Amino acid sequence: MNAEPHPTITRHLLITGHVQGVGYRWSMVQAAERLGVTGWVRNRQDGRVEACAWGTEQAVLALIDWAHRGPEHARVDRVVVGNVPDGGGAPQGFVQRETV
C-alpha cells in the first residue's frame, strides 16, 4: 500500500462579504502559517478575496473554517470552495499576491 501518511489536498477559495480593507489577507497568511498551509491570497477588483491553499486535509479544512470567520472586522457572507484537480507543486510559504 503506497498511501501517504498525510495526503495533501489543494483547494481554491472565493470569499465574499466585507473582506477588503479589514486585514483579511494579512490575517489569512498568519492563520495559514500557524496551520502549516502553503499557498496564496489576493484581492479581486470585484471586492472578493481569492485564495489557493495546499496542505494536509486537516490543515486545509481548518483554514477553510477560518475563512468563514475571517479577522475581527471582516464580515464574511459566503465562501465558495473548489477543488483543484492538478494543483501543481505546492509553493513555499503562504503569500499575498497582487490584486487581479
Protein backbone atom coordinates (compact mmCIF):
# COMPACT_ATOMS: atom_id res chain seq x y z
CA MET A 1 0.00 0.00 0.00
CA ASN A 2 1.51 3.34 -1.07
CA ALA A 3 -0.77 5.69 0.85
CA GLU A 4 0.96 8.80 2.14
CA PRO A 5 0.72 9.17 5.93
CA HIS A 6 -0.72 12.66 5.49
CA PRO A 7 -2.13 13.09 1.99
CA THR A 8 -2.19 16.66 0.77
CA ILE A 9 -5.06 18.48 -0.89
CA THR A 10 -5.41 21.76 -2.74
CA ARG A 11 -8.48 23.98 -2.52
CA HIS A 12 -9.45 27.22 -4.26
CA LEU A 13 -11.49 29.74 -2.23
CA LEU A 14 -13.55 32.78 -3.21
CA ILE A 15 -14.61 34.81 -0.20
CA THR A 16 -17.46 37.33 -0.46
CA GLY A 17 -18.50 40.00 2.04
CA HIS A 18 -16.77 42.94 3.68
CA VAL A 19 -13.35 41.32 3.23
CA GLN A 20 -11.16 44.07 1.76
CA GLY A 21 -9.59 46.83 3.82
CA VAL A 22 -10.01 44.87 7.07
CA GLY A 23 -6.74 42.92 7.20
CA TYR A 24 -8.26 39.77 5.74
CA ARG A 25 -5.30 38.80 3.55
CA TRP A 26 -2.70 39.51 6.24
CA SER A 27 -4.74 37.55 8.79
CA MET A 28 -5.15 34.63 6.38
CA VAL A 29 -1.38 34.49 5.88
CA GLN A 30 -0.94 34.34 9.66
CA ALA A 31 -3.58 31.60 10.02
CA ALA A 32 -2.09 29.57 7.16
CA GLU A 33 1.40 29.80 8.63
CA ARG A 34 0.11 28.63 12.03
CA LEU A 35 -1.61 25.67 10.34
CA GLY A 36 1.32 24.76 8.09
CA VAL A 37 -0.64 25.51 4.90
CA THR A 38 1.12 26.90 1.83
CA GLY A 39 -0.45 28.93 -0.97
CA TRP A 40 -1.53 32.47 -1.73
CA VAL A 41 -4.26 35.03 -1.17
CA ARG A 42 -5.19 38.16 -3.14
CA ASN A 43 -7.89 40.79 -3.52
CA ARG A 44 -10.04 40.81 -6.62
CA GLN A 45 -11.27 44.01 -8.24
CA ASP A 46 -14.88 42.84 -7.73
CA GLY A 47 -14.44 43.11 -3.94
CA ARG A 48 -13.91 39.43 -3.21
CA VAL A 49 -10.80 37.76 -1.82
CA GLU A 50 -9.38 34.74 -3.65
CA ALA A 51 -7.04 32.14 -2.18
CA CYS A 52 -5.48 28.80 -3.02
CA ALA A 53 -4.30 26.51 -0.22
CA TRP A 54 -2.05 23.44 -0.26
CA GLY A 55 -1.55 21.17 2.76
CA THR A 56 -2.80 18.20 4.70
CA GLU A 57 -6.55 17.72 4.53
CA GLN A 58 -6.91 18.58 8.22
CA ALA A 59 -4.88 21.81 7.88
CA VAL A 60 -6.62 23.00 4.69
CA LEU A 61 -10.05 22.30 6.16
CA ALA A 62 -9.06 24.25 9.28
CA LEU A 63 -8.04 27.21 7.08
CA ILE A 64 -11.38 26.99 5.24
CA ASP A 65 -13.14 27.10 8.63
CA TRP A 66 -11.09 30.19 9.48
CA ALA A 67 -12.02 31.76 6.10
CA HIS A 68 -15.72 31.58 7.05
CA ARG A 69 -14.97 33.82 10.08
CA GLY A 70 -12.03 35.94 8.94
CA PRO A 71 -10.42 38.60 11.11
CA GLU A 72 -12.28 40.68 13.68
CA HIS A 73 -13.51 43.49 11.39
CA ALA A 74 -14.45 41.32 8.41
CA ARG A 75 -17.97 40.23 7.54
CA VAL A 76 -17.88 37.01 5.54
CA ASP A 77 -21.09 36.38 3.61
CA ARG A 78 -20.01 33.39 1.55
CA VAL A 79 -17.02 31.13 0.91
CA VAL A 80 -17.07 29.12 -2.30
CA VAL A 81 -14.63 26.23 -2.12
CA GLY A 82 -13.49 24.46 -5.25
CA ASN A 83 -11.25 21.51 -5.89
CA VAL A 84 -8.04 21.98 -7.84
CA PRO A 85 -7.57 18.69 -9.73
CA ASP A 86 -3.93 19.37 -10.55
CA GLY A 87 -2.72 21.84 -8.01
CA GLY A 88 0.83 21.64 -9.31
CA GLY A 89 3.73 21.88 -6.93
CA ALA A 90 3.00 23.43 -3.58
CA PRO A 91 4.56 26.88 -3.20
CA GLN A 92 6.95 27.76 -0.41
CA GLY A 93 5.11 29.55 2.37
CA PHE A 94 1.82 31.45 2.12
CA VAL A 95 1.97 34.82 0.35
CA GLN A 96 -0.16 37.81 -0.58
CA ARG A 97 -0.39 38.38 -4.33
CA GLU A 98 -1.26 41.48 -6.33
CA THR A 99 -4.93 42.36 -6.90
CA VAL A 100 -6.49 40.96 -10.07
